[in-house]
Amino acid sequence: MGISIGERVEQLLFGSGLTVENYYIERTPVSEVICYKNREGRRFDLLVDDDALGTLAKRRLLELGVKVDSIGVEGVSSDASAKP
């Protein structure tokens, strides 16, 4: 039997040893991207080639309270309570 979508999300986000504190979401007028900072402090975009998995991963991170950086989005808060 395969793993559930929830397990796939958890594996994608935390399977390499990253924690909630490593993640943030970068929101622009045209996109919303999961980003993370590695142990050395370098910042990366998390590339997900499955739209459904990516959407669920963003939702999970928002549930966990990750920071949302809004770039060029007027009237949008830069906190985890902001909704897409």
PDB file of N, CA and C in Angstrom:
ATOM      1  N   MET A   1       0.836  -1.174   0.000  1.00  0.00           N
ATOM      2  CA  MET A   1       0.000   0.000   0.000  1.00  0.00           C
ATOM      3  C   MET A   1       0.883   1.241   0.000  1.00  0.00           C
ATOM      4  N   GLY A   2       0.503   2.279  -0.761  1.00  0.00           N
ATOM      5  CA  GLY A   2       1.270   3.510  -0.831  1.00  0.00           C
ATOM      6  C   GLY A   2       1.031   4.394   0.380  1.00  0.00           C
ATOM      7  N   ILE A   3       1.810   5.444   0.457  1.00  0.00           N
ATOM      8  CA  ILE A   3       1.648   6.365   1.581  1.00  0.00           C
ATOM      9  C   ILE A   3       0.552   7.374   1.265  1.00  0.00           C
ATOM     10  N   SER A   4      -0.073   7.906   2.292  1.00  0.00           N
ATOM     11  CA  SER A   4      -1.162   8.875   2.122  1.00  0.00           C
ATOM     12  C   SER A   4      -0.602  10.222   1.681  1.00  0.00           C
ATOM     13  N   ILE A   5      -1.474  11.082   1.176  1.00  0.00           N
ATOM     14  CA  ILE A   5      -1.051  12.417   0.740  1.00  0.00           C
ATOM     15  C   ILE A   5      -0.518  13.213   1.929  1.00  0.00           C
ATOM     16  N   GLY A   6      -1.114  13.032   3.099  1.00  0.00           N
ATOM     17  CA  GLY A   6      -0.621  13.715   4.294  1.00  0.00           C
ATOM     18  C   GLY A   6       0.795  13.299   4.648  1.00  0.00           C
ATOM     19  N   GLU A   7       1.072  12.010   4.514  1.00  0.00           N
ATOM     20  CA  GLU A   7       2.424  11.503   4.764  1.00  0.00           C
ATOM     21  C   GLU A   7       3.400  12.030   3.709  1.00  0.00           C
ATOM     22  N   ARG A   8       2.929  12.146   2.460  1.00  0.00           N
ATOM     23  CA  ARG A   8       3.784  12.699   1.402  1.00  0.00           C
ATOM     24  C   ARG A   8       4.142  14.151   1.698  1.00  0.00           C
ATOM     25  N   VAL A   9       3.175  14.923   2.193  1.00  0.00           N
ATOM     26  CA  VAL A   9       3.427  16.318   2.551  1.00  0.00           C
ATOM     27  C   VAL A   9       4.469  16.392   3.660  1.00  0.00           C
ATOM     28  N   GLU A  10       4.284  15.600   4.709  1.00  0.00           N
ATOM     29  CA  GLU A  10       5.230  15.603   5.825  1.00  0.00           C
ATOM     30  C   GLU A  10       6.627  15.183   5.361  1.00  0.00           C
ATOM     31  N   GLN A  11       6.700  14.184   4.498  1.00  0.00           N
ATOM     32  CA  GLN A  11       7.993  13.731   3.973  1.00  0.00           C
ATOM     33  C   GLN A  11       8.650  14.830   3.137  1.00  0.00           C
ATOM     34  N   LEU A  12       7.872  15.488   2.295  1.00  0.00           N
ATOM     35  CA  LEU A  12       8.394  16.569   1.463  1.00  0.00           C
ATOM     36  C   LEU A  12       8.980  17.684   2.325  1.00  0.00           C
ATOM     37  N   LEU A  13       8.239  18.089   3.340  1.00  0.00           N
ATOM     38  CA  LEU A  13       8.651  19.231   4.153  1.00  0.00           C
ATOM     39  C   LEU A  13       9.725  18.890   5.188  1.00  0.00           C
ATOM     40  N   PHE A  14       9.613  17.741   5.816  1.00  0.00           N
ATOM     41  CA  PHE A  14      10.454  17.471   6.975  1.00  0.00           C
ATOM     42  C   PHE A  14      11.353  16.239   6.841  1.00  0.00           C
ATOM     43  N   GLY A  15      11.257  15.536   5.729  1.00  0.00           N
ATOM     44  CA  GLY A  15      12.017  14.310   5.530  1.00  0.00           C
ATOM     45  C   GLY A  15      13.518  14.498   5.452  1.00  0.00           C
ATOM     46  N   SER A  16      13.970  15.696   5.113  1.00  0.00           N
ATOM     47  CA  SER A  16      15.414  15.936   5.004  1.00  0.00           C
ATOM     48  C   SER A  16      15.993  16.557   6.264  1.00  0.00           C
ATOM     49  N   GLY A  17      15.158  16.670   7.311  1.00  0.00           N
ATOM     50  CA  GLY A  17      15.653  17.208   8.571  1.00  0.00           C
ATOM     51  C   GLY A  17      15.327  18.676   8.807  1.00  0.00           C
ATOM     52  N   LEU A  18      14.672  19.332   7.853  1.00  0.00           N
ATOM     53  CA  LEU A  18      14.258  20.717   8.067  1.00  0.00           C
ATOM     54  C   LEU A  18      13.127  20.757   9.087  1.00  0.00           C
ATOM     55  N   THR A  19      12.975  21.888   9.743  1.00  0.00           N
ATOM     56  CA  THR A  19      11.909  22.072  10.719  1.00  0.00           C
ATOM     57  C   THR A  19      11.023  23.234  10.280  1.00  0.00           C
ATOM     58  N   VAL A  20       9.940  23.436  10.990  1.00  0.00           N
ATOM     59  CA  VAL A  20       9.021  24.539  10.687  1.00  0.00           C
ATOM     60  C   VAL A  20       9.778  25.864  10.657  1.00  0.00           C
ATOM     61  N   GLU A  21      10.732  26.030  11.562  1.00  0.00           N
ATOM     62  CA  GLU A  21      11.482  27.281  11.656  1.00  0.00           C
ATOM     63  C   GLU A  21      12.311  27.579  10.408  1.00  0.00           C
ATOM     64  N   ASN A  22      12.608  26.563   9.611  1.00  0.00           N
ATOM     65  CA  ASN A  22      13.378  26.773   8.385  1.00  0.00           C
ATOM     66  C   ASN A  22      12.534  27.363   7.262  1.00  0.00           C
ATOM     67  N   TYR A  23      11.221  27.230   7.344  1.00  0.00           N
ATOM     68  CA  TYR A  23      10.337  27.578   6.234  1.00  0.00           C
ATOM     69  C   TYR A  23       9.719  28.959   6.352  1.00  0.00           C
ATOM     70  N   TYR A  24       9.408  29.541   5.196  1.00  0.00           N
ATOM     71  CA  TYR A  24       8.573  30.726   5.084  1.00  0.00           C
ATOM     72  C   TYR A  24       7.900  30.675   3.722  1.00  0.00           C
ATOM     73  N   ILE A  25       6.863  31.455   3.554  1.00  0.00           N
ATOM     74  CA  ILE A  25       6.169  31.523   2.272  1.00  0.00           C
ATOM     75  C   ILE A  25       6.347  32.926   1.717  1.00  0.00           C
ATOM     76  N   GLU A  26       6.780  33.009   0.478  1.00  0.00           N
ATOM     77  CA  GLU A  26       6.974  34.283  -0.193  1.00  0.00           C
ATOM     78  C   GLU A  26       5.794  34.522  -1.117  1.00  0.00           C
ATOM     79  N   ARG A  27       5.060  35.580  -0.859  1.00  0.00           N
ATOM     80  CA  ARG A  27       3.849  35.894  -1.621  1.00  0.00           C
ATOM     81  C   ARG A  27       4.089  37.172  -2.429  1.00  0.00           C
ATOM     82  N   THR A  28       3.825  37.092  -3.735  1.00  0.00           N
ATOM     83  CA  THR A  28       3.909  38.247  -4.627  1.00  0.00           C
ATOM     84  C   THR A  28       2.545  38.416  -5.280  1.00  0.00           C
ATOM     85  N   PRO A  29       2.362  39.484  -6.065  1.00  0.00           N
ATOM     86  CA  PRO A  29       1.067  39.643  -6.741  1.00  0.00           C
ATOM     87  C   PRO A  29       0.728  38.497  -7.701  1.00  0.00           C
ATOM     88  N   VAL A  30       1.720  37.737  -8.139  1.00  0.00           N
ATOM     89  CA  VAL A  30       1.457  36.692  -9.138  1.00  0.00           C
ATOM     90  C   VAL A  30       1.784  35.276  -8.686  1.00  0.00           C
ATOM     91  N   SER A  31       2.352  35.121  -7.486  1.00  0.00           N
ATOM     92  CA  SER A  31       2.707  33.765  -7.068  1.00  0.00           C
ATOM     93  C   SER A  31       2.811  33.659  -5.551  1.00  0.00           C
ATOM     94  N   GLU A  32       2.896  32.419  -5.119  1.00  0.00           N
ATOM     95  CA  GLU A  32       3.106  32.104  -3.717  1.00  0.00           C
ATOM     96  C   GLU A  32       4.048  30.910  -3.700  1.00  0.00           C
ATOM     97  N   VAL A  33       5.209  31.074  -3.072  1.00  0.00           N
ATOM     98  CA  VAL A  33       6.266  30.070  -3.156  1.00  0.00           C
ATOM     99  C   VAL A  33       6.696  29.650  -1.759  1.00  0.00           C
ATOM    100  N   ILE A  34       6.844  28.341  -1.563  1.00  0.00           N
ATOM    101  CA  ILE A  34       7.425  27.827  -0.326  1.00  0.00           C
ATOM    102  C   ILE A  34       8.935  28.025  -0.414  1.00  0.00           C
ATOM    103  N   CYS A  35       9.496  28.651   0.611  1.00  0.00           N
ATOM    104  CA  CYS A  35      10.933  28.882   0.666  1.00  0.00           C
ATOM    105  C   CYS A  35      11.470  28.332   1.986  1.00  0.00           C
ATOM    106  N   TYR A  36      12.768  28.106   2.013  1.00  0.00           N
ATOM    107  CA  TYR A  36      13.382  27.633   3.242  1.00  0.00           C
ATOM    108  C   TYR A  36      14.809  28.120   3.349  1.00  0.00           C
ATOM    109  N   LYS A  37      15.301  28.126   4.571  1.00  0.00           N
ATOM    110  CA  LYS A  37      16.685  28.479   4.853  1.00  0.00           C
ATOM    111  C   LYS A  37      17.368  27.221   5.370  1.00  0.00           C
ATOM    112  N   ASN A  38      18.496  26.851   4.738  1.00  0.00           N
ATOM    113  CA  ASN A  38      19.190  25.636   5.166  1.00  0.00           C
ATOM    114  C   ASN A  38      20.035  25.899   6.407  1.00  0.00           C
ATOM    115  N   ARG A  39      20.728  24.899   6.873  1.00  0.00           N
ATOM    116  CA  ARG A  39      21.515  25.006   8.106  1.00  0.00           C
ATOM    117  C   ARG A  39      22.626  26.048   8.008  1.00  0.00           C
ATOM    118  N   GLU A  40      23.091  26.314   6.796  1.00  0.00           N
ATOM    119  CA  GLU A  40      24.158  27.295   6.592  1.00  0.00           C
ATOM    120  C   GLU A  40      23.600  28.701   6.392  1.00  0.00           C
ATOM    121  N   GLY A  41      22.288  28.846   6.399  1.00  0.00           N
ATOM    122  CA  GLY A  41      21.664  30.156   6.254  1.00  0.00           C
ATOM    123  C   GLY A  41      21.335  30.560   4.821  1.00  0.00           C
ATOM    124  N   ARG A  42      21.617  29.690   3.864  1.00  0.00           N
ATOM    125  CA  ARG A  42      21.274  29.994   2.464  1.00  0.00           C
ATOM    126  C   ARG A  42      19.785  29.786   2.254  1.00  0.00           C
ATOM    127  N   ARG A  43      19.195  30.629   1.409  1.00  0.00           N
ATOM    128  CA  ARG A  43      17.757  30.583   1.156  1.00  0.00           C
ATOM    129  C   ARG A  43      17.470  29.960  -0.207  1.00  0.00           C
ATOM    130  N   PHE A  44      16.413  29.150  -0.255  1.00  0.00           N
ATOM    131  CA  PHE A  44      16.044  28.434  -1.468  1.00  0.00           C
ATOM    132  C   PHE A  44      14.529  28.423  -1.630  1.00  0.00           C
ATOM    133  N   ASP A  45      14.078  28.262  -2.872  1.00  0.00           N
ATOM    134  CA  ASP A  45      12.679  27.960  -3.150  1.00  0.00           C
ATOM    135  C   ASP A  45      12.537  26.445  -3.132  1.00  0.00           C
ATOM    136  N   LEU A  46      11.437  25.955  -2.587  1.00  0.00           N
ATOM    137  CA  LEU A  46      11.157  24.527  -2.610  1.00  0.00           C
ATOM    138  C   LEU A  46      10.365  24.239  -3.878  1.00  0.00           C
ATOM    139  N   LEU A  47      10.982  23.556  -4.815  1.00  0.00           N
ATOM    140  CA  LEU A  47      10.327  23.246  -6.083  1.00  0.00           C
ATOM    141  C   LEU A  47       9.524  21.963  -5.940  1.00  0.00           C
ATOM    142  N   VAL A  48       8.231  22.047  -6.259  1.00  0.00           N
ATOM    143  CA  VAL A  48       7.337  20.898  -6.151  1.00  0.00           C
ATOM    144  C   VAL A  48       6.669  20.733  -7.509  1.00  0.00           C
ATOM    145  N   ASP A  49       6.863  19.584  -8.153  1.00  0.00           N
ATOM    146  CA  ASP A  49       6.327  19.381  -9.501  1.00  0.00           C
ATOM    147  C   ASP A  49       4.923  18.788  -9.511  1.00  0.00           C
ATOM    148  N   ASP A  50       4.303  18.705  -8.361  1.00  0.00           N
ATOM    149  CA  ASP A  50       2.938  18.199  -8.239  1.00  0.00           C
ATOM    150  C   ASP A  50       2.102  19.315  -7.608  1.00  0.00           C
ATOM    151  N   ASP A  51       1.204  19.932  -8.406  1.00  0.00           N
ATOM    152  CA  ASP A  51       0.430  21.079  -7.928  1.00  0.00           C
ATOM    153  C   ASP A  51      -0.377  20.771  -6.673  1.00  0.00           C
ATOM    154  N   ALA A  52      -1.021  19.619  -6.626  1.00  0.00           N
ATOM    155  CA  ALA A  52      -1.831  19.269  -5.464  1.00  0.00           C
ATOM    156  C   ALA A  52      -0.952  19.124  -4.220  1.00  0.00           C
ATOM    157  N   LEU A  53       0.186  18.470  -4.364  1.00  0.00           N
ATOM    158  CA  LEU A  53       1.113  18.294  -3.245  1.00  0.00           C
ATOM    159  C   LEU A  53       1.643  19.655  -2.782  1.00  0.00           C
ATOM    160  N   GLY A  54       1.981  20.516  -3.708  1.00  0.00           N
ATOM    161  CA  GLY A  54       2.467  21.848  -3.365  1.00  0.00           C
ATOM    162  C   GLY A  54       1.426  22.670  -2.627  1.00  0.00           C
ATOM    163  N   THR A  55       0.188  22.606  -3.079  1.00  0.00           N
ATOM    164  CA  THR A  55      -0.903  23.329  -2.423  1.00  0.00           C
ATOM    165  C   THR A  55      -1.107  22.824  -1.000  1.00  0.00           C
ATOM    166  N   LEU A  56      -1.095  21.508  -0.833  1.00  0.00           N
ATOM    167  CA  LEU A  56      -1.268  20.932   0.501  1.00  0.00           C
ATOM    168  C   LEU A  56      -0.083  21.257   1.409  1.00  0.00           C
ATOM    169  N   ALA A  57       1.114  21.303   0.841  1.00  0.00           N
ATOM    170  CA  ALA A  57       2.295  21.650   1.636  1.00  0.00           C
ATOM    171  C   ALA A  57       2.199  23.101   2.112  1.00  0.00           C
ATOM    172  N   LYS A  58       1.763  24.021   1.242  1.00  0.00           N
ATOM    173  CA  LYS A  58       1.577  25.417   1.661  1.00  0.00           C
ATOM    174  C   LYS A  58       0.529  25.514   2.760  1.00  0.00           C
ATOM    175  N   ARG A  59      -0.571  24.806   2.579  1.00  0.00           N
ATOM    176  CA  ARG A  59      -1.630  24.811   3.586  1.00  0.00           C
ATOM    177  C   ARG A  59      -1.106  24.299   4.924  1.00  0.00           C
ATOM    178  N   ARG A  60      -0.330  23.222   4.887  1.00  0.00           N
ATOM    179  CA  ARG A  60       0.218  22.643   6.122  1.00  0.00           C
ATOM    180  C   ARG A  60       1.150  23.631   6.823  1.00  0.00           C
ATOM    181  N   LEU A  61       2.005  24.291   6.054  1.00  0.00           N
ATOM    182  CA  LEU A  61       2.919  25.265   6.641  1.00  0.00           C
ATOM    183  C   LEU A  61       2.162  26.440   7.256  1.00  0.00           C
ATOM    184  N   LEU A  62       1.117  26.896   6.587  1.00  0.00           N
ATOM    185  CA  LEU A  62       0.303  27.981   7.155  1.00  0.00           C
ATOM    186  C   LEU A  62      -0.367  27.531   8.454  1.00  0.00           C
ATOM    187  N   GLU A  63      -0.857  26.292   8.484  1.00  0.00           N
ATOM    188  CA  GLU A  63      -1.442  25.743   9.716  1.00  0.00           C
ATOM    189  C   GLU A  63      -0.425  25.736  10.855  1.00  0.00           C
ATOM    190  N   LEU A  64       0.830  25.491  10.509  1.00  0.00           N
ATOM    191  CA  LEU A  64       1.889  25.434  11.515  1.00  0.00           C
ATOM    192  C   LEU A  64       2.417  26.818  11.891  1.00  0.00           C
ATOM    193  N   GLY A  65       1.935  27.857  11.208  1.00  0.00           N
ATOM    194  CA  GLY A  65       2.272  29.234  11.575  1.00  0.00           C
ATOM    195  C   GLY A  65       3.537  29.798  10.983  1.00  0.00           C
ATOM    196  N   VAL A  66       3.959  29.314   9.805  1.00  0.00           N
ATOM    197  CA  VAL A  66       5.175  29.875   9.212  1.00  0.00           C
ATOM    198  C   VAL A  66       4.952  31.327   8.806  1.00  0.00           C
ATOM    199  N   LYS A  67       6.040  32.053   8.723  1.00  0.00           N
ATOM    200  CA  LYS A  67       6.015  33.454   8.327  1.00  0.00           C
ATOM    201  C   LYS A  67       5.647  33.562   6.845  1.00  0.00           C
ATOM    202  N   VAL A  68       4.877  34.600   6.511  1.00  0.00           N
ATOM    203  CA  VAL A  68       4.544  34.893   5.124  1.00  0.00           C
ATOM    204  C   VAL A  68       5.161  36.239   4.780  1.00  0.00           C
ATOM    205  N   ASP A  69       6.091  36.251   3.822  1.00  0.00           N
ATOM    206  CA  ASP A  69       6.696  37.483   3.339  1.00  0.00           C
ATOM    207  C   ASP A  69       5.934  37.931   2.109  1.00  0.00           C
ATOM    208  N   SER A  70       5.269  39.075   2.219  1.00  0.00           N
ATOM    209  CA  SER A  70       4.517  39.615   1.084  1.00  0.00           C
ATOM    210  C   SER A  70       5.368  40.665   0.394  1.00  0.00           C
ATOM    211  N   ILE A  71       5.625  40.446  -0.883  1.00  0.00           N
ATOM    212  CA  ILE A  71       6.471  41.338  -1.661  1.00  0.00           C
ATOM    213  C   ILE A  71       5.614  41.977  -2.750  1.00  0.00           C
ATOM    214  N   GLY A  72       5.449  43.288  -2.690  1.00  0.00           N
ATOM    215  CA  GLY A  72       4.689  43.999  -3.711  1.00  0.00           C
ATOM    216  C   GLY A  72       3.195  43.744  -3.657  1.00  0.00           C
ATOM    217  N   VAL A  73       2.692  43.316  -2.486  1.00  0.00           N
ATOM    218  CA  VAL A  73       1.266  43.054  -2.342  1.00  0.00           C
ATOM    219  C   VAL A  73       0.718  44.089  -1.364  1.00  0.00           C
ATOM    220  N   GLU A  74      -0.032  45.054  -1.875  1.00  0.00           N
ATOM    221  CA  GLU A  74      -0.574  46.108  -1.026  1.00  0.00           C
ATOM    222  C   GLU A  74      -1.685  45.576  -0.139  1.00  0.00           C
ATOM    223  N   GLY A  75      -1.689  46.031   1.099  1.00  0.00           N
ATOM    224  CA  GLY A  75      -2.761  45.696   2.020  1.00  0.00           C
ATOM    225  C   GLY A  75      -2.756  44.269   2.518  1.00  0.00           C
ATOM    226  N   VAL A  76      -1.646  43.566   2.348  1.00  0.00           N
ATOM    227  CA  VAL A  76      -1.573  42.183   2.822  1.00  0.00           C
ATOM    228  C   VAL A  76      -0.578  42.114   3.955  1.00  0.00           C
ATOM    229  N   SER A  77      -0.989  41.493   5.024  1.00  0.00           N
ATOM    230  CA  SER A  77      -0.139  41.323   6.197  1.00  0.00           C
ATOM    231  C   SER A  77       0.969  40.320   5.904  1.00  0.00           C
ATOM    232  N   SER A  78       2.088  40.466   6.592  1.00  0.00           N
ATOM    233  CA  SER A  78       3.199  39.529   6.439  1.00  0.00           C
ATOM    234  C   SER A  78       3.253  38.558   7.598  1.00  0.00           C
ATOM    235  N   ASP A  79       2.106  37.966   7.938  1.00  0.00           N
ATOM    236  CA  ASP A  79       2.110  36.972   8.998  1.00  0.00           C
ATOM    237  C   ASP A  79       1.348  35.733   8.548  1.00  0.00           C
ATOM    238  N   ALA A  80       1.408  34.712   9.356  1.00  0.00           N
ATOM    239  CA  ALA A  80       0.837  33.414   8.969  1.00  0.00           C
ATOM    240  C   ALA A  80      -0.680  33.435   8.919  1.00  0.00           C
ATOM    241  N   SER A  81      -1.316  34.457   9.494  1.00  0.00           N
ATOM    242  CA  SER A  81      -2.776  34.495   9.451  1.00  0.00           C
ATOM    243  C   SER A  81      -3.301  35.013   8.120  1.00  0.00           C
ATOM    244  N   ALA A  82      -2.421  35.563   7.289  1.00  0.00           N
ATOM    245  CA  ALA A  82      -2.846  36.055   5.973  1.00  0.00           C
ATOM    246  C   ALA A  82      -3.183  34.871   5.088  1.00  0.00           C
ATOM    247  N   LYS A  83      -4.291  34.944   4.420  1.00  0.00           N
ATOM    248  CA  LYS A  83      -4.727  33.861   3.552  1.00  0.00           C
ATOM    249  C   LYS A  83      -4.443  34.213   2.098  1.00  0.00           C
ATOM    250  N   PRO A  84      -4.147  33.182   1.267  1.00  0.00           N
ATOM    251  CA  PRO A  84      -3.870  33.439  -0.153  1.00  0.00           C
ATOM    252  C   PRO A  84      -5.071  33.997  -0.871  1.00  0.00           C
TER     253      PRO A  84
END
